[in-house]
């Protein structure tokens, strides 16, 4: 929990700083693309706030109405973030890029700038495009710092769970907070590079279409990642089980137990990041005394929790040997 929170805090600080830098760039150059990027960073900053709310709410203790706790709140708020990323940052970037491509103009810097009813004339002794370069390069530095923290946490989880890499981690992790932060940081870095290349090509060629095309590509990338994030959160909100390989290990522990005849039913489900409930209906050897059966159940529960540290609760239900498969 603490690692996820530090990752989100790093992303929050980075996105907040970048939003301010981009807005300053817009105020000095009146560049529409910089204003669009400002909206993007403000959206990302708001998303980090939602993730922090999810971490705080999800950490509440279990009560009568929520006997397994509030861990799924993090899945919900991460889903909200994915939708905001899709609906605000992605769509607005695509719309903005497309409108500039079809209109054939960038807007560029202007001697007179109007914003929220205020009109002013910034006096610059240098080409204002260099303000955009400085802002974008500064943004890359901030985002790289946030990305490094998120990547380090995800790498720790990959090593801890013996996953093959990021692709498997994306499909199997239940720590959607870190996953969302890592995804946002990756998108933000990619977007900054696209914007930098687009502005550079427009400056060098005099063709404003490069800048507009960069904005369009950023929007497409945002919407694609947002959909992937929403899909990953949906599976956990609906109550996904452990990965098949992990569940197979747990099932074998119960199946090979000395006093167990067979397993009638075995289920696992996530109820929060790295929080799993295991339920098993088990047929024990005939004639096993009740007191000894209770001891065996306790021993099985301990063995399962030792095998997978994500397991928070185990329910072993003894079945009648005559129930059969």
C-alpha atoms as a PDB file:
ATOM      1  CA  UNK A   1       0.000   0.000   0.000  1.00  0.00           C
ATOM      2  CA  UNK A   2       2.773   2.408   0.946  1.00  0.00           C
ATOM      3  CA  UNK A   3       4.664   1.726  -2.301  1.00  0.00           C
ATOM      4  CA  UNK A   4       1.567   2.384  -4.406  1.00  0.00           C
ATOM      5  CA  UNK A   5       0.902   5.640  -2.575  1.00  0.00           C
ATOM      6  CA  UNK A   6       4.456   6.896  -3.111  1.00  0.00           C
ATOM      7  CA  UNK A   7       4.169   6.086  -6.823  1.00  0.00           C
ATOM      8  CA  UNK A   8       0.939   8.080  -7.102  1.00  0.00           C
ATOM      9  CA  UNK A   9       2.365  10.988  -5.090  1.00  0.00           C
ATOM     10  CA  UNK A  10       5.357  11.128  -7.428  1.00  0.00           C
ATOM     11  CA  UNK A  11       3.046  11.209 -10.447  1.00  0.00           C
ATOM     12  CA  UNK A  12       0.853  13.867  -8.797  1.00  0.00           C
ATOM     13  CA  UNK A  13       3.838  16.163  -8.141  1.00  0.00           C
ATOM     14  CA  UNK A  14       5.219  15.590 -11.650  1.00  0.00           C
ATOM     15  CA  UNK A  15       1.910  16.223 -13.417  1.00  0.00           C
ATOM     16  CA  UNK A  16       1.142  19.291 -11.315  1.00  0.00           C
ATOM     17  CA  UNK A  17       4.546  20.811 -12.073  1.00  0.00           C
ATOM     18  CA  UNK A  18       4.234  19.987 -15.767  1.00  0.00           C
ATOM     19  CA  UNK A  19       0.747  21.524 -15.964  1.00  0.00           C
ATOM     20  CA  UNK A  20       2.128  24.796 -14.560  1.00  0.00           C
ATOM     21  CA  UNK A  21       5.071  24.752 -16.987  1.00  0.00           C
ATOM     22  CA  UNK A  22       2.814  24.120 -19.973  1.00  0.00           C
ATOM     23  CA  UNK A  23       0.410  26.860 -18.924  1.00  0.00           C
ATOM     24  CA  UNK A  24       3.295  29.321 -18.636  1.00  0.00           C
ATOM     25  CA  UNK A  25       4.353  28.280 -22.118  1.00  0.00           C
ATOM     26  CA  UNK A  26       0.848  28.966 -23.419  1.00  0.00           C
ATOM     27  CA  UNK A  27       0.693  32.375 -21.728  1.00  0.00           C
ATOM     28  CA  UNK A  28       3.961  33.366 -23.406  1.00  0.00           C
ATOM     29  CA  UNK A  29       3.293  31.928 -26.867  1.00  0.00           C
ATOM     30  CA  UNK A  30      -0.498  31.555 -27.224  1.00  0.00           C
ATOM     31  CA  UNK A  31       0.160  28.164 -28.796  1.00  0.00           C
ATOM     32  CA  UNK A  32      -3.087  26.130 -28.957  1.00  0.00           C
ATOM     33  CA  UNK A  33      -1.109  22.897 -28.739  1.00  0.00           C
ATOM     34  CA  UNK A  34       0.437  24.027 -25.458  1.00  0.00           C
ATOM     35  CA  UNK A  35      -3.008  24.852 -24.096  1.00  0.00           C
ATOM     36  CA  UNK A  36      -4.162  21.387 -25.140  1.00  0.00           C
ATOM     37  CA  UNK A  37      -1.173  19.839 -23.365  1.00  0.00           C
ATOM     38  CA  UNK A  38      -2.024  21.930 -20.301  1.00  0.00           C
ATOM     39  CA  UNK A  39      -5.492  20.371 -20.250  1.00  0.00           C
ATOM     40  CA  UNK A  40      -3.852  16.964 -20.608  1.00  0.00           C
ATOM     41  CA  UNK A  41      -1.620  17.503 -17.565  1.00  0.00           C
ATOM     42  CA  UNK A  42      -4.469  18.962 -15.508  1.00  0.00           C
ATOM     43  CA  UNK A  43      -6.488  15.863 -16.344  1.00  0.00           C
ATOM     44  CA  UNK A  44      -3.587  13.627 -15.279  1.00  0.00           C
ATOM     45  CA  UNK A  45      -3.217  15.569 -12.022  1.00  0.00           C
ATOM     46  CA  UNK A  46      -6.908  15.101 -11.284  1.00  0.00           C
ATOM     47  CA  UNK A  47      -6.537  11.405 -12.027  1.00  0.00           C
ATOM     48  CA  UNK A  48      -3.819  11.069  -9.380  1.00  0.00           C
ATOM     49  CA  UNK A  49      -6.171  12.673  -6.863  1.00  0.00           C
ATOM     50  CA  UNK A  50      -8.759   9.994  -7.676  1.00  0.00           C
ATOM     51  CA  UNK A  51      -6.153   7.268  -7.201  1.00  0.00           C
ATOM     52  CA  UNK A  52      -5.189   8.678  -3.795  1.00  0.00           C
ATOM     53  CA  UNK A  53      -8.868   8.717  -2.823  1.00  0.00           C
ATOM     54  CA  UNK A  54      -9.066   5.070  -3.867  1.00  0.00           C
ATOM     55  CA  UNK A  55      -6.014   4.164  -1.778  1.00  0.00           C
ATOM     56  CA  UNK A  56      -7.376   5.976   1.276  1.00  0.00           C
ATOM     57  CA  UNK A  57     -10.922   4.626   0.922  1.00  0.00           C
ATOM     58  CA  UNK A  58      -9.713   1.133   0.078  1.00  0.00           C
ATOM     59  CA  UNK A  59      -7.629   1.025   3.255  1.00  0.00           C
ATOM     60  CA  UNK A  60     -10.660   1.247   5.552  1.00  0.00           C
ATOM     61  CA  UNK A  61     -11.163  -1.652   7.930  1.00  0.00           C
ATOM     62  CA  UNK A  62     -13.815  -4.281   7.278  1.00  0.00           C
ATOM     63  CA  UNK A  63     -17.220  -3.709   8.862  1.00  0.00           C
ATOM     64  CA  UNK A  64     -20.668  -5.323   8.899  1.00  0.00           C
ATOM     65  CA  UNK A  65     -21.696  -3.917   5.503  1.00  0.00           C
ATOM     66  CA  UNK A  66     -18.340  -4.722   3.909  1.00  0.00           C
ATOM     67  CA  UNK A  67     -17.057  -7.847   5.678  1.00  0.00           C
ATOM     68  CA  UNK A  68     -14.092  -8.201   3.311  1.00  0.00           C
ATOM     69  CA  UNK A  69     -13.108  -4.551   3.537  1.00  0.00           C
ATOM     70  CA  UNK A  70     -13.108  -1.750   0.956  1.00  0.00           C
ATOM     71  CA  UNK A  71     -10.208  -2.908  -1.201  1.00  0.00           C
ATOM     72  CA  UNK A  72     -12.267  -2.919  -4.394  1.00  0.00           C
ATOM     73  CA  UNK A  73     -12.585   0.861  -4.110  1.00  0.00           C
ATOM     74  CA  UNK A  74      -9.157   1.064  -5.750  1.00  0.00           C
ATOM     75  CA  UNK A  75     -10.463  -0.919  -8.725  1.00  0.00           C
ATOM     76  CA  UNK A  76     -13.422   1.462  -9.056  1.00  0.00           C
ATOM     77  CA  UNK A  77     -11.404   4.673  -8.860  1.00  0.00           C
ATOM     78  CA  UNK A  78      -8.833   3.303 -11.294  1.00  0.00           C
ATOM     79  CA  UNK A  79     -11.715   2.576 -13.678  1.00  0.00           C
ATOM     80  CA  UNK A  80     -12.916   6.169 -13.243  1.00  0.00           C
ATOM     81  CA  UNK A  81      -9.404   7.384 -14.075  1.00  0.00           C
ATOM     82  CA  UNK A  82      -9.395   5.271 -17.253  1.00  0.00           C
ATOM     83  CA  UNK A  83     -12.693   6.792 -18.352  1.00  0.00           C
ATOM     84  CA  UNK A  84     -11.497  10.339 -17.628  1.00  0.00           C
ATOM     85  CA  UNK A  85      -8.278   9.663 -19.497  1.00  0.00           C
ATOM     86  CA  UNK A  86     -10.348   8.397 -22.414  1.00  0.00           C
ATOM     87  CA  UNK A  87     -13.125  10.982 -22.308  1.00  0.00           C
ATOM     88  CA  UNK A  88     -11.182  14.145 -21.532  1.00  0.00           C
ATOM     89  CA  UNK A  89      -7.511  13.898 -22.458  1.00  0.00           C
ATOM     90  CA  UNK A  90      -7.853  11.425 -25.324  1.00  0.00           C
ATOM     91  CA  UNK A  91     -10.933  12.809 -27.011  1.00  0.00           C
ATOM     92  CA  UNK A  92      -9.917  16.448 -26.626  1.00  0.00           C
ATOM     93  CA  UNK A  93      -6.466  15.740 -28.074  1.00  0.00           C
ATOM     94  CA  UNK A  94      -7.945  13.943 -31.089  1.00  0.00           C
ATOM     95  CA  UNK A  95     -10.547  16.648 -31.644  1.00  0.00           C
ATOM     96  CA  UNK A  96      -7.971  19.407 -31.308  1.00  0.00           C
ATOM     97  CA  UNK A  97      -5.464  17.716 -33.631  1.00  0.00           C
ATOM     98  CA  UNK A  98      -8.105  16.908 -36.237  1.00  0.00           C
ATOM     99  CA  UNK A  99      -9.514  20.441 -36.233  1.00  0.00           C
ATOM    100  CA  UNK A 100      -6.047  21.917 -36.737  1.00  0.00           C
ATOM    101  CA  UNK A 101      -5.271  19.493 -39.563  1.00  0.00           C
ATOM    102  CA  UNK A 102      -8.519  20.268 -41.382  1.00  0.00           C
ATOM    103  CA  UNK A 103      -8.294  24.010 -40.677  1.00  0.00           C
ATOM    104  CA  UNK A 104      -4.709  24.109 -41.889  1.00  0.00           C
ATOM    105  CA  UNK A 105      -3.449  26.307 -39.077  1.00  0.00           C
ATOM    106  CA  UNK A 106      -1.564  25.963 -35.811  1.00  0.00           C
ATOM    107  CA  UNK A 107      -2.279  29.299 -34.228  1.00  0.00           C
ATOM    108  CA  UNK A 108       1.344  29.670 -33.211  1.00  0.00           C
ATOM    109  CA  UNK A 109       2.556  32.612 -31.199  1.00  0.00           C
ATOM    110  CA  UNK A 110       0.735  35.896 -31.351  1.00  0.00           C
ATOM    111  CA  UNK A 111       1.671  39.459 -30.477  1.00  0.00           C
ATOM    112  CA  UNK A 112      -1.637  39.895 -28.655  1.00  0.00           C
ATOM    113  CA  UNK A 113      -2.864  37.064 -26.438  1.00  0.00           C
ATOM    114  CA  UNK A 114      -6.386  36.709 -25.056  1.00  0.00           C
ATOM    115  CA  UNK A 115      -7.308  34.261 -22.315  1.00  0.00           C
ATOM    116  CA  UNK A 116     -10.376  34.224 -20.041  1.00  0.00           C
ATOM    117  CA  UNK A 117     -11.235  37.785 -21.042  1.00  0.00           C
ATOM    118  CA  UNK A 118      -7.735  39.132 -20.426  1.00  0.00           C
ATOM    119  CA  UNK A 119      -5.686  40.575 -23.276  1.00  0.00           C
ATOM    120  CA  UNK A 120      -1.962  41.240 -23.051  1.00  0.00           C
ATOM    121  CA  UNK A 121       1.140  41.516 -25.218  1.00  0.00           C
ATOM    122  CA  UNK A 122       4.108  39.526 -23.916  1.00  0.00           C
ATOM    123  CA  UNK A 123       7.483  40.989 -24.777  1.00  0.00           C
ATOM    124  CA  UNK A 124      10.057  38.325 -25.613  1.00  0.00           C
ATOM    125  CA  UNK A 125      13.620  38.902 -26.783  1.00  0.00           C
ATOM    126  CA  UNK A 126      13.782  35.421 -28.349  1.00  0.00           C
ATOM    127  CA  UNK A 127      11.750  33.117 -30.556  1.00  0.00           C
ATOM    128  CA  UNK A 128       8.787  31.971 -28.378  1.00  0.00           C
ATOM    129  CA  UNK A 129       9.013  28.444 -29.789  1.00  0.00           C
ATOM    130  CA  UNK A 130      12.005  27.927 -27.510  1.00  0.00           C
ATOM    131  CA  UNK A 131       9.680  28.409 -24.549  1.00  0.00           C
ATOM    132  CA  UNK A 132       7.748  25.380 -25.767  1.00  0.00           C
ATOM    133  CA  UNK A 133      10.969  23.401 -26.163  1.00  0.00           C
ATOM    134  CA  UNK A 134      12.028  24.268 -22.608  1.00  0.00           C
ATOM    135  CA  UNK A 135       8.608  23.353 -21.204  1.00  0.00           C
ATOM    136  CA  UNK A 136       8.452  20.027 -23.050  1.00  0.00           C
ATOM    137  CA  UNK A 137      12.008  19.075 -22.084  1.00  0.00           C
ATOM    138  CA  UNK A 138      11.260  20.013 -18.470  1.00  0.00           C
ATOM    139  CA  UNK A 139       8.120  17.891 -18.663  1.00  0.00           C
ATOM    140  CA  UNK A 140      10.153  14.929 -19.896  1.00  0.00           C
ATOM    141  CA  UNK A 141      12.455  15.276 -16.873  1.00  0.00           C
ATOM    142  CA  UNK A 142       9.550  15.359 -14.394  1.00  0.00           C
ATOM    143  CA  UNK A 143       7.701  12.486 -16.081  1.00  0.00           C
ATOM    144  CA  UNK A 144      10.870  10.386 -16.286  1.00  0.00           C
ATOM    145  CA  UNK A 145      11.230  10.744 -12.503  1.00  0.00           C
ATOM    146  CA  UNK A 146       7.635   9.628 -11.907  1.00  0.00           C
ATOM    147  CA  UNK A 147       7.985   6.811 -14.462  1.00  0.00           C
ATOM    148  CA  UNK A 148      11.145   5.556 -12.742  1.00  0.00           C
ATOM    149  CA  UNK A 149       9.328   5.194  -9.408  1.00  0.00           C
ATOM    150  CA  UNK A 150       6.321   3.445 -10.964  1.00  0.00           C
ATOM    151  CA  UNK A 151       8.523   1.139 -13.033  1.00  0.00           C
ATOM    152  CA  UNK A 152      10.624   0.224  -9.989  1.00  0.00           C
ATOM    153  CA  UNK A 153       7.513  -0.788  -8.053  1.00  0.00           C
ATOM    154  CA  UNK A 154       6.145  -2.821 -10.970  1.00  0.00           C
ATOM    155  CA  UNK A 155       9.550  -4.491 -11.441  1.00  0.00           C
ATOM    156  CA  UNK A 156       9.495  -5.464  -7.771  1.00  0.00           C
ATOM    157  CA  UNK A 157       6.111  -7.123  -8.257  1.00  0.00           C
ATOM    158  CA  UNK A 158       7.305  -8.908 -11.403  1.00  0.00           C
ATOM    159  CA  UNK A 159      10.283 -10.343  -9.518  1.00  0.00           C
ATOM    160  CA  UNK A 160       8.187 -11.206  -6.472  1.00  0.00           C
ATOM    161  CA  UNK A 161       5.581 -13.090  -8.534  1.00  0.00           C
ATOM    162  CA  UNK A 162       8.066 -14.566 -11.041  1.00  0.00           C
ATOM    163  CA  UNK A 163       6.231 -13.017 -14.006  1.00  0.00           C
ATOM    164  CA  UNK A 164       7.895 -13.006 -17.415  1.00  0.00           C
ATOM    165  CA  UNK A 165       7.659  -9.232 -17.850  1.00  0.00           C
ATOM    166  CA  UNK A 166       5.431  -6.199 -18.150  1.00  0.00           C
ATOM    167  CA  UNK A 167       2.966  -7.898 -20.490  1.00  0.00           C
ATOM    168  CA  UNK A 168       2.227 -10.679 -18.001  1.00  0.00           C
ATOM    169  CA  UNK A 169       2.176  -8.191 -15.122  1.00  0.00           C
ATOM    170  CA  UNK A 170      -0.397  -6.060 -16.970  1.00  0.00           C
ATOM    171  CA  UNK A 171      -2.670  -9.104 -17.278  1.00  0.00           C
ATOM    172  CA  UNK A 172      -2.188 -10.533 -13.799  1.00  0.00           C
ATOM    173  CA  UNK A 173      -1.484  -7.735 -11.312  1.00  0.00           C
ATOM    174  CA  UNK A 174      -4.183  -6.681  -8.883  1.00  0.00           C
ATOM    175  CA  UNK A 175      -2.278  -3.512  -7.941  1.00  0.00           C
ATOM    176  CA  UNK A 176      -4.213  -1.363 -10.405  1.00  0.00           C
ATOM    177  CA  UNK A 177      -3.029   1.835  -8.704  1.00  0.00           C
ATOM    178  CA  UNK A 178       0.600   1.245  -9.668  1.00  0.00           C
ATOM    179  CA  UNK A 179      -0.504  -0.101 -13.055  1.00  0.00           C
ATOM    180  CA  UNK A 180      -2.527   3.044 -13.745  1.00  0.00           C
ATOM    181  CA  UNK A 181       0.281   5.364 -12.642  1.00  0.00           C
ATOM    182  CA  UNK A 182       2.811   3.497 -14.789  1.00  0.00           C
ATOM    183  CA  UNK A 183       0.470   3.628 -17.792  1.00  0.00           C
ATOM    184  CA  UNK A 184      -0.193   7.347 -17.363  1.00  0.00           C
ATOM    185  CA  UNK A 185       3.518   8.105 -17.011  1.00  0.00           C
ATOM    186  CA  UNK A 186       4.287   6.085 -20.137  1.00  0.00           C
ATOM    187  CA  UNK A 187       1.578   7.874 -22.121  1.00  0.00           C
ATOM    188  CA  UNK A 188       2.721  11.260 -20.823  1.00  0.00           C
ATOM    189  CA  UNK A 189       6.336  10.593 -21.843  1.00  0.00           C
ATOM    190  CA  UNK A 190       5.224   9.427 -25.272  1.00  0.00           C
ATOM    191  CA  UNK A 191       2.964  12.457 -25.649  1.00  0.00           C
ATOM    192  CA  UNK A 192       5.751  14.863 -24.714  1.00  0.00           C
ATOM    193  CA  UNK A 193       8.079  13.273 -27.264  1.00  0.00           C
ATOM    194  CA  UNK A 194       5.388  13.427 -29.977  1.00  0.00           C
ATOM    195  CA  UNK A 195       4.720  17.084 -29.180  1.00  0.00           C
ATOM    196  CA  UNK A 196       8.426  17.914 -29.193  1.00  0.00           C
ATOM    197  CA  UNK A 197       8.947  16.233 -32.573  1.00  0.00           C
ATOM    198  CA  UNK A 198       5.808  17.803 -34.031  1.00  0.00           C
ATOM    199  CA  UNK A 199       6.757  21.339 -32.970  1.00  0.00           C
ATOM    200  CA  UNK A 200      10.339  20.849 -34.177  1.00  0.00           C
ATOM    201  CA  UNK A 201       9.255  19.598 -37.608  1.00  0.00           C
ATOM    202  CA  UNK A 202       6.749  22.437 -37.926  1.00  0.00           C
ATOM    203  CA  UNK A 203       9.454  24.968 -37.089  1.00  0.00           C
ATOM    204  CA  UNK A 204      11.965  23.455 -39.502  1.00  0.00           C
ATOM    205  CA  UNK A 205       9.592  22.956 -42.438  1.00  0.00           C
ATOM    206  CA  UNK A 206       7.110  25.745 -41.876  1.00  0.00           C
ATOM    207  CA  UNK A 207       4.343  23.141 -42.208  1.00  0.00           C
ATOM    208  CA  UNK A 208       1.950  23.413 -39.249  1.00  0.00           C
ATOM    209  CA  UNK A 209       0.442  19.993 -40.063  1.00  0.00           C
ATOM    210  CA  UNK A 210       3.241  18.191 -38.187  1.00  0.00           C
ATOM    211  CA  UNK A 211       2.211  19.810 -34.894  1.00  0.00           C
ATOM    212  CA  UNK A 212      -1.459  19.007 -35.490  1.00  0.00           C
ATOM    213  CA  UNK A 213      -0.650  15.416 -36.473  1.00  0.00           C
ATOM    214  CA  UNK A 214       1.322  14.992 -33.248  1.00  0.00           C
ATOM    215  CA  UNK A 215      -1.715  16.100 -31.234  1.00  0.00           C
ATOM    216  CA  UNK A 216      -3.873  13.597 -33.147  1.00  0.00           C
ATOM    217  CA  UNK A 217      -1.430  10.750 -32.468  1.00  0.00           C
ATOM    218  CA  UNK A 218      -1.304  11.648 -28.787  1.00  0.00           C
ATOM    219  CA  UNK A 219      -5.104  11.455 -28.599  1.00  0.00           C
ATOM    220  CA  UNK A 220      -5.199   8.058 -30.303  1.00  0.00           C
ATOM    221  CA  UNK A 221      -2.544   6.750 -27.916  1.00  0.00           C
ATOM    222  CA  UNK A 222      -4.420   8.098 -24.892  1.00  0.00           C
ATOM    223  CA  UNK A 223      -7.700   6.497 -25.929  1.00  0.00           C
ATOM    224  CA  UNK A 224      -6.038   3.156 -26.682  1.00  0.00           C
ATOM    225  CA  UNK A 225      -4.327   2.930 -23.296  1.00  0.00           C
ATOM    226  CA  UNK A 226      -7.465   4.156 -21.527  1.00  0.00           C
ATOM    227  CA  UNK A 227      -9.531   1.353 -23.049  1.00  0.00           C
ATOM    228  CA  UNK A 228      -6.910  -1.214 -22.026  1.00  0.00           C
ATOM    229  CA  UNK A 229      -6.885   0.145 -18.467  1.00  0.00           C
ATOM    230  CA  UNK A 230     -10.682   0.107 -18.268  1.00  0.00           C
ATOM    231  CA  UNK A 231     -10.716  -3.522 -19.412  1.00  0.00           C
ATOM    232  CA  UNK A 232      -8.146  -4.569 -16.806  1.00  0.00           C
ATOM    233  CA  UNK A 233     -10.097  -2.850 -14.031  1.00  0.00           C
ATOM    234  CA  UNK A 234     -13.394  -4.348 -15.200  1.00  0.00           C
ATOM    235  CA  UNK A 235     -12.105  -7.891 -14.668  1.00  0.00           C
ATOM    236  CA  UNK A 236     -11.190  -7.099 -11.062  1.00  0.00           C
ATOM    237  CA  UNK A 237     -14.382  -5.177 -10.281  1.00  0.00           C
ATOM    238  CA  UNK A 238     -16.394  -8.197 -11.452  1.00  0.00           C
ATOM    239  CA  UNK A 239     -14.420 -10.464  -9.114  1.00  0.00           C
ATOM    240  CA  UNK A 240     -11.641 -12.224 -11.014  1.00  0.00           C
ATOM    241  CA  UNK A 241      -9.892 -15.285  -9.631  1.00  0.00           C
ATOM    242  CA  UNK A 242      -6.169 -15.742  -9.199  1.00  0.00           C
ATOM    243  CA  UNK A 243      -4.227 -16.550 -12.382  1.00  0.00           C
ATOM    244  CA  UNK A 244      -4.717 -20.195 -13.353  1.00  0.00           C
ATOM    245  CA  UNK A 245      -1.113 -21.144 -12.593  1.00  0.00           C
ATOM    246  CA  UNK A 246      -1.284 -19.655  -9.079  1.00  0.00           C
ATOM    247  CA  UNK A 247      -4.646 -21.256  -8.378  1.00  0.00           C
ATOM    248  CA  UNK A 248      -3.347 -24.632  -9.579  1.00  0.00           C
ATOM    249  CA  UNK A 249      -0.578 -24.501  -6.969  1.00  0.00           C
ATOM    250  CA  UNK A 250      -3.080 -23.860  -4.189  1.00  0.00           C
ATOM    251  CA  UNK A 251      -5.421 -26.559  -5.434  1.00  0.00           C
ATOM    252  CA  UNK A 252      -2.605 -29.102  -5.455  1.00  0.00           C
ATOM    253  CA  UNK A 253      -1.735 -28.269  -1.832  1.00  0.00           C
ATOM    254  CA  UNK A 254      -5.263 -29.218  -0.797  1.00  0.00           C
ATOM    255  CA  UNK A 255      -5.554 -32.193  -3.170  1.00  0.00           C
ATOM    256  CA  UNK A 256      -2.321 -33.779  -1.915  1.00  0.00           C
ATOM    257  CA  UNK A 257      -3.152 -33.294   1.768  1.00  0.00           C
ATOM    258  CA  UNK A 258      -2.900 -36.619   3.601  1.00  0.00           C
ATOM    259  CA  UNK A 259      -6.428 -36.615   5.037  1.00  0.00           C
ATOM    260  CA  UNK A 260      -8.183 -35.209   1.947  1.00  0.00           C
ATOM    261  CA  UNK A 261     -10.026 -37.620  -0.337  1.00  0.00           C
ATOM    262  CA  UNK A 262     -10.988 -35.130  -3.023  1.00  0.00           C
ATOM    263  CA  UNK A 263     -11.937 -31.525  -3.743  1.00  0.00           C
ATOM    264  CA  UNK A 264     -15.574 -30.855  -4.612  1.00  0.00           C
ATOM    265  CA  UNK A 265     -15.118 -27.167  -5.350  1.00  0.00           C
ATOM    266  CA  UNK A 266     -12.260 -24.666  -5.241  1.00  0.00           C
ATOM    267  CA  UNK A 267     -12.537 -20.917  -5.828  1.00  0.00           C
ATOM    268  CA  UNK A 268     -10.431 -17.809  -5.425  1.00  0.00           C
ATOM    269  CA  UNK A 269     -11.406 -14.165  -5.879  1.00  0.00           C
ATOM    270  CA  UNK A 270      -9.758 -10.761  -5.503  1.00  0.00           C
ATOM    271  CA  UNK A 271     -11.488  -8.361  -3.113  1.00  0.00           C
ATOM    272  CA  UNK A 272      -8.744  -5.738  -3.252  1.00  0.00           C
ATOM    273  CA  UNK A 273      -5.181  -5.197  -4.500  1.00  0.00           C
ATOM    274  CA  UNK A 274      -3.183  -8.268  -3.448  1.00  0.00           C
ATOM    275  CA  UNK A 275      -6.098  -9.401  -1.274  1.00  0.00           C
ATOM    276  CA  UNK A 276      -7.541 -12.815  -2.080  1.00  0.00           C
ATOM    277  CA  UNK A 277     -10.251 -15.001  -0.565  1.00  0.00           C
ATOM    278  CA  UNK A 278     -10.020 -18.792  -1.026  1.00  0.00           C
ATOM    279  CA  UNK A 279     -13.020 -21.092  -0.674  1.00  0.00           C
ATOM    280  CA  UNK A 280     -12.822 -24.880  -0.913  1.00  0.00           C
ATOM    281  CA  UNK A 281     -15.370 -27.667  -0.444  1.00  0.00           C
ATOM    282  CA  UNK A 282     -13.364 -30.713   0.626  1.00  0.00           C
ATOM    283  CA  UNK A 283     -14.166 -34.372   1.293  1.00  0.00           C
ATOM    284  CA  UNK A 284     -12.002 -35.732   4.107  1.00  0.00           C
ATOM    285  CA  UNK A 285     -11.214 -39.373   4.810  1.00  0.00           C
ATOM    286  CA  UNK A 286     -14.151 -41.321   6.192  1.00  0.00           C
ATOM    287  CA  UNK A 287     -14.189 -41.712   9.941  1.00  0.00           C
ATOM    288  CA  UNK A 288     -11.951 -38.712  10.638  1.00  0.00           C
ATOM    289  CA  UNK A 289     -12.886 -37.393  14.131  1.00  0.00           C
ATOM    290  CA  UNK A 290     -14.359 -33.903  14.244  1.00  0.00           C
ATOM    291  CA  UNK A 291     -11.622 -32.527  16.475  1.00  0.00           C
ATOM    292  CA  UNK A 292      -8.911 -33.873  14.181  1.00  0.00           C
ATOM    293  CA  UNK A 293     -10.766 -32.517  11.131  1.00  0.00           C
ATOM    294  CA  UNK A 294     -10.762 -29.030  12.671  1.00  0.00           C
ATOM    295  CA  UNK A 295      -7.007 -29.292  13.162  1.00  0.00           C
ATOM    296  CA  UNK A 296      -6.545 -30.421   9.553  1.00  0.00           C
ATOM    297  CA  UNK A 297      -8.618 -27.502   8.272  1.00  0.00           C
ATOM    298  CA  UNK A 298      -6.518 -25.042  10.280  1.00  0.00           C
ATOM    299  CA  UNK A 299      -3.329 -26.631   8.946  1.00  0.00           C
ATOM    300  CA  UNK A 300      -4.568 -26.417   5.325  1.00  0.00           C
ATOM    301  CA  UNK A 301      -5.498 -22.759   5.797  1.00  0.00           C
ATOM    302  CA  UNK A 302      -2.013 -21.996   7.123  1.00  0.00           C
ATOM    303  CA  UNK A 303      -0.386 -23.872   4.237  1.00  0.00           C
ATOM    304  CA  UNK A 304      -2.394 -21.889   1.672  1.00  0.00           C
ATOM    305  CA  UNK A 305      -1.610 -18.501   3.220  1.00  0.00           C
ATOM    306  CA  UNK A 306       2.079 -19.446   3.413  1.00  0.00           C
ATOM    307  CA  UNK A 307       2.041 -20.419  -0.279  1.00  0.00           C
ATOM    308  CA  UNK A 308       0.574 -17.091  -1.432  1.00  0.00           C
ATOM    309  CA  UNK A 309       0.969 -13.944   0.659  1.00  0.00           C
ATOM    310  CA  UNK A 310      -1.947 -12.260  -1.130  1.00  0.00           C
ATOM    311  CA  UNK A 311      -4.398 -14.628   0.568  1.00  0.00           C
ATOM    312  CA  UNK A 312      -6.209 -12.882   3.411  1.00  0.00           C
ATOM    313  CA  UNK A 313      -8.954 -15.381   4.208  1.00  0.00           C
ATOM    314  CA  UNK A 314      -9.479 -19.119   3.632  1.00  0.00           C
ATOM    315  CA  UNK A 315     -12.761 -20.996   3.998  1.00  0.00           C
ATOM    316  CA  UNK A 316     -12.546 -24.800   4.068  1.00  0.00           C
ATOM    317  CA  UNK A 317     -15.961 -26.477   4.072  1.00  0.00           C
ATOM    318  CA  UNK A 318     -15.982 -30.248   4.815  1.00  0.00           C
ATOM    319  CA  UNK A 319     -18.372 -32.176   2.544  1.00  0.00           C
ATOM    320  CA  UNK A 320     -20.160 -35.484   3.014  1.00  0.00           C
ATOM    321  CA  UNK A 321     -18.125 -38.296   1.479  1.00  0.00           C
ATOM    322  CA  UNK A 322     -21.280 -39.617  -0.151  1.00  0.00           C
ATOM    323  CA  UNK A 323     -21.859 -36.459  -2.216  1.00  0.00           C
ATOM    324  CA  UNK A 324     -19.607 -37.758  -5.048  1.00  0.00           C
ATOM    325  CA  UNK A 325     -18.539 -36.030  -8.278  1.00  0.00           C
END
